[in-house]
């Protein structure tokens, strides 16, 4: 297992950029919807985040339980990626690593922050057993500042975070585009954007 992933597993407590899940049947629509919501939230949060499956909640902390043997064959990156692509746009950039630590297996999903536009849900999913929507068309999901959970944007602070991040990512994209188009050096482009921002 990668050293940085060991550190996250040993941490045992959810944070804004770290989310734990139990052992899951990755083939079910409910699991795919739950993970899609989590990935949307992490890609829409500055610096992205990591979701680790195989952690069992015990009070306020999480124990290292690993993924059950019957769930291991259901781990399918392509299937998960297809589901995410059908429910979010732009599709978050993520990797899924299946790794062993102390003879237990974990699934580590690393999600990158969006590069130009925030990810928005384009197709709803209702969990009929729980009688609630895990995904809602038109929703932007984020990792809340109030407590570590993946939620739809509902508060001004979460909306402000998302707008600030989108603005920063757009300016970085424009800067890269202008430099590659020969419209100036990186320093010239940076100064021009700072001047534009001062006029707002």
Protein backbone atom coordinates (compact mmCIF):
# COMPACT_ATOMS: atom_id res chain seq x y z
CA UNK A 1 0.00 0.00 0.00
CA UNK A 2 1.18 3.51 -0.79
CA UNK A 3 2.58 5.29 2.30
CA UNK A 4 0.19 8.22 1.92
CA UNK A 5 -2.77 5.82 1.86
CA UNK A 6 -1.54 4.02 5.00
CA UNK A 7 -1.50 7.36 6.79
CA UNK A 8 -5.11 8.05 5.75
CA UNK A 9 -6.28 4.60 6.88
CA UNK A 10 -4.55 4.97 10.24
CA UNK A 11 -6.07 8.44 10.76
CA UNK A 12 -9.42 6.85 11.64
CA UNK A 13 -11.44 10.06 11.59
CA UNK A 14 -13.25 11.72 8.70
CA UNK A 15 -12.07 15.14 7.60
CA UNK A 16 -13.13 17.58 4.91
CA UNK A 17 -10.80 15.89 2.39
CA UNK A 18 -11.14 12.36 3.75
CA UNK A 19 -14.27 10.18 3.68
CA UNK A 20 -14.69 6.60 4.88
CA UNK A 21 -17.13 3.93 3.71
CA UNK A 22 -17.73 0.41 4.96
CA UNK A 23 -17.46 -2.77 2.91
CA UNK A 24 -19.70 -2.27 -0.12
CA UNK A 25 -21.20 -4.26 -2.96
CA UNK A 26 -19.85 -1.97 -5.69
CA UNK A 27 -22.21 -3.42 -8.32
CA UNK A 28 -25.43 -2.03 -6.82
CA UNK A 29 -26.96 1.24 -8.08
CA UNK A 30 -27.24 2.51 -4.49
CA UNK A 31 -23.51 2.07 -3.84
CA UNK A 32 -22.62 3.64 -7.19
CA UNK A 33 -24.93 6.61 -6.44
CA UNK A 34 -23.43 7.06 -2.97
CA UNK A 35 -19.88 7.02 -4.34
CA UNK A 36 -20.86 9.35 -7.21
CA UNK A 37 -22.25 11.86 -4.72
CA UNK A 38 -19.05 11.62 -2.67
CA UNK A 39 -16.85 12.08 -5.77
CA UNK A 40 -18.89 15.10 -6.87
CA UNK A 41 -18.41 16.64 -3.42
CA UNK A 42 -14.66 16.05 -3.38
CA UNK A 43 -14.05 17.32 -6.92
CA UNK A 44 -16.00 20.48 -6.02
CA UNK A 45 -13.85 21.06 -2.91
CA UNK A 46 -10.49 22.79 -3.11
CA UNK A 47 -7.64 20.24 -3.38
CA UNK A 48 -10.06 17.33 -3.98
CA UNK A 49 -10.12 14.40 -1.58
CA UNK A 50 -9.95 10.69 -0.87
CA UNK A 51 -12.70 8.11 -0.22
CA UNK A 52 -11.65 4.86 1.46
CA UNK A 53 -13.93 1.81 1.51
CA UNK A 54 -13.30 -0.88 4.10
CA UNK A 55 -13.52 1.28 7.22
CA UNK A 56 -16.10 0.43 9.89
CA UNK A 57 -17.60 3.16 12.06
CA UNK A 58 -17.23 2.68 15.80
CA UNK A 59 -18.63 5.62 17.73
CA UNK A 60 -16.81 8.77 16.63
CA UNK A 61 -13.93 6.94 14.94
CA UNK A 62 -13.45 4.34 12.19
CA UNK A 63 -11.81 0.93 12.56
CA UNK A 64 -9.82 -0.90 9.90
CA UNK A 65 -12.12 -3.73 8.83
CA UNK A 66 -11.25 -4.22 5.17
CA UNK A 67 -13.58 -5.15 2.31
CA UNK A 68 -15.47 -8.43 2.66
CA UNK A 69 -14.36 -11.26 0.38
CA UNK A 70 -17.77 -11.42 -1.34
CA UNK A 71 -17.55 -7.73 -2.26
CA UNK A 72 -14.08 -7.86 -3.83
CA UNK A 73 -15.26 -9.23 -7.23
CA UNK A 74 -17.69 -6.28 -7.54
CA UNK A 75 -14.85 -3.71 -7.65
CA UNK A 76 -14.96 -2.45 -11.24
CA UNK A 77 -13.38 0.89 -12.12
CA UNK A 78 -14.88 1.01 -15.61
CA UNK A 79 -18.39 0.29 -14.34
CA UNK A 80 -18.10 2.98 -11.69
CA UNK A 81 -16.65 5.44 -14.19
CA UNK A 82 -19.56 4.79 -16.62
CA UNK A 83 -22.09 5.40 -13.82
CA UNK A 84 -20.36 8.62 -12.74
CA UNK A 85 -20.21 9.84 -16.35
CA UNK A 86 -23.98 9.26 -16.74
CA UNK A 87 -24.80 11.26 -13.59
CA UNK A 88 -22.25 14.11 -13.39
CA UNK A 89 -20.88 16.70 -15.79
CA UNK A 90 -18.04 17.44 -16.07
CA UNK A 91 -16.98 13.95 -15.01
CA UNK A 92 -14.61 14.08 -12.01
CA UNK A 93 -11.10 12.82 -12.57
CA UNK A 94 -10.47 9.94 -10.16
CA UNK A 95 -8.41 6.81 -9.61
CA UNK A 96 -9.46 3.64 -7.79
CA UNK A 97 -6.69 1.63 -6.13
CA UNK A 98 -7.31 -1.73 -4.48
CA UNK A 99 -4.62 -2.16 -1.84
CA UNK A 100 -3.73 -4.46 1.06
CA UNK A 101 -2.71 -3.37 4.54
CA UNK A 102 -2.24 -5.77 7.45
CA UNK A 103 -3.85 -8.59 5.40
CA UNK A 104 -7.01 -6.55 4.77
CA UNK A 105 -8.14 -5.11 1.44
CA UNK A 106 -9.23 -1.50 0.94
CA UNK A 107 -10.49 0.50 -2.03
CA UNK A 108 -8.94 3.96 -2.20
CA UNK A 109 -10.64 6.47 -4.51
CA UNK A 110 -8.56 9.61 -5.06
CA UNK A 111 -10.54 12.50 -6.55
CA UNK A 112 -8.90 15.52 -8.20
CA UNK A 113 -10.43 19.01 -7.94
CA UNK A 114 -12.23 20.22 -11.06
CA UNK A 115 -10.07 22.15 -13.52
CA UNK A 116 -12.54 24.53 -15.21
CA UNK A 117 -16.17 24.05 -14.19
CA UNK A 118 -17.72 22.56 -11.04
CA UNK A 119 -19.32 19.15 -11.41
CA UNK A 120 -23.13 19.18 -11.42
CA UNK A 121 -25.56 16.27 -11.13
CA UNK A 122 -27.42 15.60 -14.40
CA UNK A 123 -29.46 12.55 -13.40
CA UNK A 124 -31.26 11.80 -10.14
CA UNK A 125 -31.18 8.55 -8.19
CA UNK A 126 -33.65 7.66 -5.45
CA UNK A 127 -32.85 4.96 -2.93
CA UNK A 128 -36.27 3.30 -2.59
CA UNK A 129 -35.23 1.33 0.50
CA UNK A 130 -34.18 4.49 2.39
CA UNK A 131 -36.85 6.55 0.59
CA UNK A 132 -34.51 9.43 -0.18
CA UNK A 133 -32.61 10.86 -3.12
CA UNK A 134 -28.89 10.21 -3.12
CA UNK A 135 -28.49 12.25 -6.31
CA UNK A 136 -30.65 15.17 -7.42
CA UNK A 137 -30.58 16.67 -10.91
CA UNK A 138 -29.13 20.19 -10.85
CA UNK A 139 -27.40 19.81 -7.47
CA UNK A 140 -23.80 20.83 -6.82
CA UNK A 141 -22.31 18.67 -4.06
CA UNK A 142 -19.45 19.81 -1.80
CA UNK A 143 -17.68 18.75 1.37
CA UNK A 144 -19.22 20.97 3.99
CA UNK A 145 -17.17 23.27 6.17
CA UNK A 146 -19.55 22.67 9.11
CA UNK A 147 -18.79 18.95 9.45
CA UNK A 148 -17.14 16.36 7.20
CA UNK A 149 -19.99 15.23 4.97
CA UNK A 150 -20.91 15.34 1.28
CA UNK A 151 -23.89 17.66 0.88
CA UNK A 152 -25.70 19.66 -1.78
CA UNK A 153 -24.84 23.36 -1.67
CA UNK A 154 -27.39 24.95 0.65
CA UNK A 155 -25.51 27.53 2.74
CA UNK A 156 -23.92 30.82 1.75
CA UNK A 157 -20.50 29.68 3.02
CA UNK A 158 -20.56 26.53 0.86
CA UNK A 159 -21.73 28.55 -2.15
CA UNK A 160 -18.99 31.13 -1.57
CA UNK A 161 -16.34 28.39 -1.40
CA UNK A 162 -17.55 26.91 -4.68
CA UNK A 163 -17.67 30.27 -6.47
CA UNK A 164 -14.19 31.22 -5.21
CA UNK A 165 -12.78 27.90 -6.37
CA UNK A 166 -14.49 28.16 -9.78
CA UNK A 167 -13.11 31.69 -10.25
CA UNK A 168 -9.57 30.60 -9.35
CA UNK A 169 -9.71 27.56 -11.63
CA UNK A 170 -11.08 29.64 -14.54
CA UNK A 171 -8.32 32.24 -14.17
CA UNK A 172 -5.67 29.52 -14.11
CA UNK A 173 -7.17 27.98 -17.24
CA UNK A 174 -7.19 31.36 -19.01
CA UNK A 175 -3.61 32.00 -17.96
CA UNK A 176 -2.44 28.64 -19.35
CA UNK A 177 -4.38 29.25 -22.56
CA UNK A 178 -2.98 32.75 -23.05
CA UNK A 179 0.59 31.62 -22.40
CA UNK A 180 0.29 28.68 -24.82
CA UNK A 181 -1.26 31.03 -27.44
CA UNK A 182 1.73 33.37 -27.20
CA UNK A 183 -0.21 36.25 -25.65
CA UNK A 184 2.51 36.86 -23.10
CA UNK A 185 4.65 35.22 -20.46
CA UNK A 186 3.14 33.68 -17.35
CA UNK A 187 4.21 36.77 -15.35
CA UNK A 188 2.59 39.17 -17.86
CA UNK A 189 -0.66 37.19 -17.84
CA UNK A 190 -0.68 37.07 -14.02
CA UNK A 191 -0.27 40.85 -13.77
CA UNK A 192 -3.04 41.43 -16.30
CA UNK A 193 -5.45 39.23 -14.32
CA UNK A 194 -4.51 41.01 -11.09
CA UNK A 195 -5.30 44.34 -12.73
CA UNK A 196 -8.64 43.02 -13.97
CA UNK A 197 -9.47 41.75 -10.49
CA UNK A 198 -8.68 45.13 -8.96
CA UNK A 199 -11.38 46.70 -11.16
CA UNK A 200 -14.12 44.38 -9.85
